[in-house]
N, C-alpha and C. Protein backbone atom coordinates (compact mmCIF):
# COMPACT_ATOMS: atom_id res chain seq x y z
N UNK A 1 -15.09 24.07 -39.76
CA UNK A 1 -15.44 24.41 -38.40
C UNK A 1 -16.37 23.37 -37.79
N UNK A 2 -17.25 22.83 -38.62
CA UNK A 2 -18.20 21.82 -38.14
C UNK A 2 -17.50 20.54 -37.70
N UNK A 3 -16.43 20.18 -38.42
CA UNK A 3 -15.67 18.97 -38.07
C UNK A 3 -15.02 19.13 -36.69
N UNK A 4 -14.51 20.30 -36.41
CA UNK A 4 -13.84 20.55 -35.12
C UNK A 4 -14.86 20.46 -33.98
N UNK A 5 -16.02 21.07 -34.16
CA UNK A 5 -17.06 21.02 -33.13
C UNK A 5 -17.53 19.59 -32.93
N UNK A 6 -17.70 18.86 -34.03
CA UNK A 6 -18.11 17.46 -33.93
C UNK A 6 -17.05 16.64 -33.20
N UNK A 7 -15.79 16.88 -33.48
CA UNK A 7 -14.71 16.17 -32.79
C UNK A 7 -14.69 16.46 -31.30
N UNK A 8 -14.90 17.72 -30.94
CA UNK A 8 -14.93 18.09 -29.51
C UNK A 8 -16.11 17.42 -28.82
N UNK A 9 -17.26 17.38 -29.47
CA UNK A 9 -18.45 16.74 -28.88
C UNK A 9 -18.22 15.24 -28.73
N UNK A 10 -17.63 14.61 -29.73
CA UNK A 10 -17.36 13.16 -29.66
C UNK A 10 -16.36 12.86 -28.55
N UNK A 11 -15.30 13.65 -28.45
CA UNK A 11 -14.31 13.43 -27.40
C UNK A 11 -14.95 13.63 -26.03
N UNK A 12 -15.80 14.63 -25.89
CA UNK A 12 -16.50 14.85 -24.62
C UNK A 12 -17.40 13.69 -24.27
N UNK A 13 -18.11 13.16 -25.25
CA UNK A 13 -19.00 12.02 -25.00
C UNK A 13 -18.20 10.78 -24.60
N UNK A 14 -17.07 10.55 -25.27
CA UNK A 14 -16.22 9.40 -24.93
C UNK A 14 -15.66 9.57 -23.52
N UNK A 15 -15.22 10.77 -23.18
CA UNK A 15 -14.67 11.02 -21.84
C UNK A 15 -15.74 10.84 -20.78
N UNK A 16 -16.94 11.35 -21.02
CA UNK A 16 -18.03 11.19 -20.07
C UNK A 16 -18.40 9.73 -19.89
N UNK A 17 -18.52 9.00 -20.99
CA UNK A 17 -18.87 7.58 -20.92
C UNK A 17 -17.81 6.76 -20.21
N UNK A 18 -16.55 7.04 -20.49
CA UNK A 18 -15.46 6.32 -19.83
C UNK A 18 -15.42 6.64 -18.35
N UNK A 19 -15.60 7.90 -17.99
CA UNK A 19 -15.62 8.28 -16.58
C UNK A 19 -16.76 7.62 -15.83
N UNK A 20 -17.94 7.58 -16.43
CA UNK A 20 -19.08 6.92 -15.81
C UNK A 20 -18.82 5.44 -15.63
N UNK A 21 -18.24 4.80 -16.62
CA UNK A 21 -17.95 3.36 -16.55
C UNK A 21 -16.92 3.07 -15.47
N UNK A 22 -15.84 3.85 -15.41
CA UNK A 22 -14.77 3.60 -14.45
C UNK A 22 -15.26 3.84 -13.02
N UNK A 23 -16.06 4.87 -12.81
CA UNK A 23 -16.55 5.15 -11.47
C UNK A 23 -17.52 4.09 -10.96
N UNK A 24 -18.16 3.37 -11.85
CA UNK A 24 -19.13 2.36 -11.44
C UNK A 24 -18.58 0.95 -11.43
N UNK A 25 -17.28 0.81 -11.65
CA UNK A 25 -16.68 -0.52 -11.58
C UNK A 25 -16.65 -0.99 -10.13
N UNK A 26 -16.93 -2.23 -9.91
CA UNK A 26 -16.84 -2.82 -8.58
C UNK A 26 -15.59 -3.69 -8.53
N UNK A 27 -14.62 -3.34 -7.68
CA UNK A 27 -13.41 -4.16 -7.62
C UNK A 27 -13.73 -5.55 -7.07
N UNK A 28 -13.12 -6.56 -7.66
CA UNK A 28 -13.36 -7.93 -7.22
C UNK A 28 -12.82 -8.14 -5.81
N UNK A 29 -11.55 -7.91 -5.60
CA UNK A 29 -10.92 -8.04 -4.30
C UNK A 29 -9.80 -7.02 -4.19
N UNK A 30 -9.51 -6.55 -2.99
CA UNK A 30 -8.38 -5.63 -2.83
C UNK A 30 -7.06 -6.32 -3.18
N UNK A 31 -6.10 -5.54 -3.62
CA UNK A 31 -4.81 -6.10 -4.03
C UNK A 31 -4.11 -6.81 -2.89
N UNK A 32 -4.27 -6.31 -1.65
CA UNK A 32 -3.58 -6.95 -0.54
C UNK A 32 -4.14 -8.33 -0.25
N UNK A 33 -5.37 -8.61 -0.67
CA UNK A 33 -5.92 -9.96 -0.52
C UNK A 33 -5.50 -10.84 -1.69
N UNK A 34 -5.49 -10.28 -2.88
CA UNK A 34 -5.18 -11.07 -4.07
C UNK A 34 -3.74 -11.53 -4.07
N UNK A 35 -2.81 -10.66 -3.69
CA UNK A 35 -1.39 -10.97 -3.78
C UNK A 35 -0.77 -11.40 -2.45
N UNK A 36 -1.57 -11.84 -1.50
CA UNK A 36 -1.02 -12.27 -0.22
C UNK A 36 -0.61 -13.74 -0.29
N UNK A 37 0.39 -14.08 0.50
CA UNK A 37 0.84 -15.47 0.59
C UNK A 37 0.88 -15.88 2.04
N UNK A 38 0.75 -17.14 2.30
CA UNK A 38 0.80 -17.64 3.67
C UNK A 38 2.19 -17.53 4.26
N UNK A 39 3.23 -17.60 3.42
CA UNK A 39 4.60 -17.54 3.92
C UNK A 39 5.00 -16.18 4.43
N UNK A 40 4.26 -15.14 4.09
CA UNK A 40 4.62 -13.79 4.50
C UNK A 40 3.92 -13.36 5.79
N UNK A 41 3.13 -14.21 6.38
CA UNK A 41 2.39 -13.86 7.58
C UNK A 41 3.26 -14.02 8.81
N UNK A 42 3.22 -13.03 9.68
CA UNK A 42 3.93 -13.11 10.95
C UNK A 42 2.90 -12.89 12.03
N UNK A 43 2.58 -13.94 12.77
CA UNK A 43 1.60 -13.81 13.83
C UNK A 43 2.21 -13.14 15.04
N UNK A 44 2.93 -13.88 15.85
CA UNK A 44 3.60 -13.35 17.02
C UNK A 44 5.09 -13.49 16.78
N UNK A 45 5.79 -12.39 16.50
CA UNK A 45 7.21 -12.52 16.19
C UNK A 45 8.05 -12.91 17.39
N UNK A 46 7.49 -12.84 18.59
CA UNK A 46 8.26 -13.21 19.77
C UNK A 46 9.25 -12.13 20.14
N UNK A 47 10.32 -12.53 20.80
CA UNK A 47 11.32 -11.57 21.25
C UNK A 47 12.63 -11.72 20.51
N UNK A 48 12.65 -12.55 19.48
CA UNK A 48 13.91 -12.83 18.80
C UNK A 48 14.37 -11.72 17.85
N UNK A 49 13.51 -10.75 17.54
CA UNK A 49 13.90 -9.73 16.58
C UNK A 49 14.66 -8.58 17.23
N UNK A 50 14.22 -8.13 18.39
CA UNK A 50 14.85 -6.98 19.03
C UNK A 50 15.22 -7.23 20.48
N UNK A 51 14.83 -8.32 21.04
CA UNK A 51 15.16 -8.63 22.43
C UNK A 51 13.94 -8.52 23.33
N UNK A 52 13.98 -9.21 24.44
CA UNK A 52 12.84 -9.25 25.36
C UNK A 52 12.51 -7.89 25.95
N UNK A 53 13.51 -7.11 26.31
CA UNK A 53 13.28 -5.87 27.06
C UNK A 53 13.20 -4.63 26.18
N UNK A 54 13.03 -4.78 24.90
CA UNK A 54 12.99 -3.63 24.01
C UNK A 54 11.63 -2.96 24.10
N UNK A 55 11.61 -1.66 24.36
CA UNK A 55 10.34 -0.94 24.49
C UNK A 55 10.07 -0.02 23.30
N UNK A 56 11.08 0.22 22.49
CA UNK A 56 10.92 1.13 21.36
C UNK A 56 11.32 2.55 21.67
N UNK A 57 11.53 2.85 22.92
CA UNK A 57 11.94 4.19 23.32
C UNK A 57 13.46 4.26 23.37
N UNK A 58 14.09 5.25 22.75
CA UNK A 58 15.54 5.35 22.78
C UNK A 58 16.03 5.67 24.19
N UNK A 59 17.04 4.95 24.61
CA UNK A 59 17.65 5.21 25.91
C UNK A 59 16.94 4.58 27.07
N UNK A 60 15.92 3.77 26.84
CA UNK A 60 15.19 3.18 27.96
C UNK A 60 15.86 1.93 28.49
N UNK A 61 16.73 1.30 27.72
CA UNK A 61 17.41 0.08 28.15
C UNK A 61 18.88 0.40 28.33
N UNK A 62 19.43 0.01 29.44
CA UNK A 62 20.83 0.28 29.72
C UNK A 62 21.70 -0.63 28.88
N UNK A 63 22.72 -0.06 28.26
CA UNK A 63 23.64 -0.85 27.45
C UNK A 63 25.04 -0.81 28.03
N UNK A 64 25.16 -0.54 29.33
CA UNK A 64 26.47 -0.49 29.96
C UNK A 64 27.13 -1.85 29.89
N UNK A 65 28.40 -1.85 29.55
CA UNK A 65 29.16 -3.09 29.52
C UNK A 65 29.15 -3.78 28.17
N UNK A 66 28.28 -3.36 27.27
CA UNK A 66 28.25 -3.99 25.95
C UNK A 66 29.14 -3.20 25.01
N UNK A 67 29.90 -3.92 24.23
CA UNK A 67 30.76 -3.27 23.25
C UNK A 67 30.40 -3.80 21.87
N UNK A 68 30.50 -2.94 20.90
CA UNK A 68 30.24 -3.37 19.53
C UNK A 68 31.55 -3.74 18.87
N UNK A 69 31.50 -4.75 18.04
CA UNK A 69 32.71 -5.15 17.33
C UNK A 69 32.84 -4.29 16.08
N UNK A 70 34.07 -3.84 15.80
CA UNK A 70 34.25 -3.01 14.63
C UNK A 70 35.31 -3.58 13.72
């Protein structure tokens, strides 16, 4: 019985110590800064992605006369 109680106390002490250590770690840099590349940056995408008159609202731009190829 003494071995079991000792094991529980040791496991509790290890868990407490590990929790204290992990909570007090100071991260060096956020992941989004560490793994960023200059090639993935988009400053001003311009109008080439969706068109000059795109507002983001459905049905706000007239599409009369345009046909889709199928």
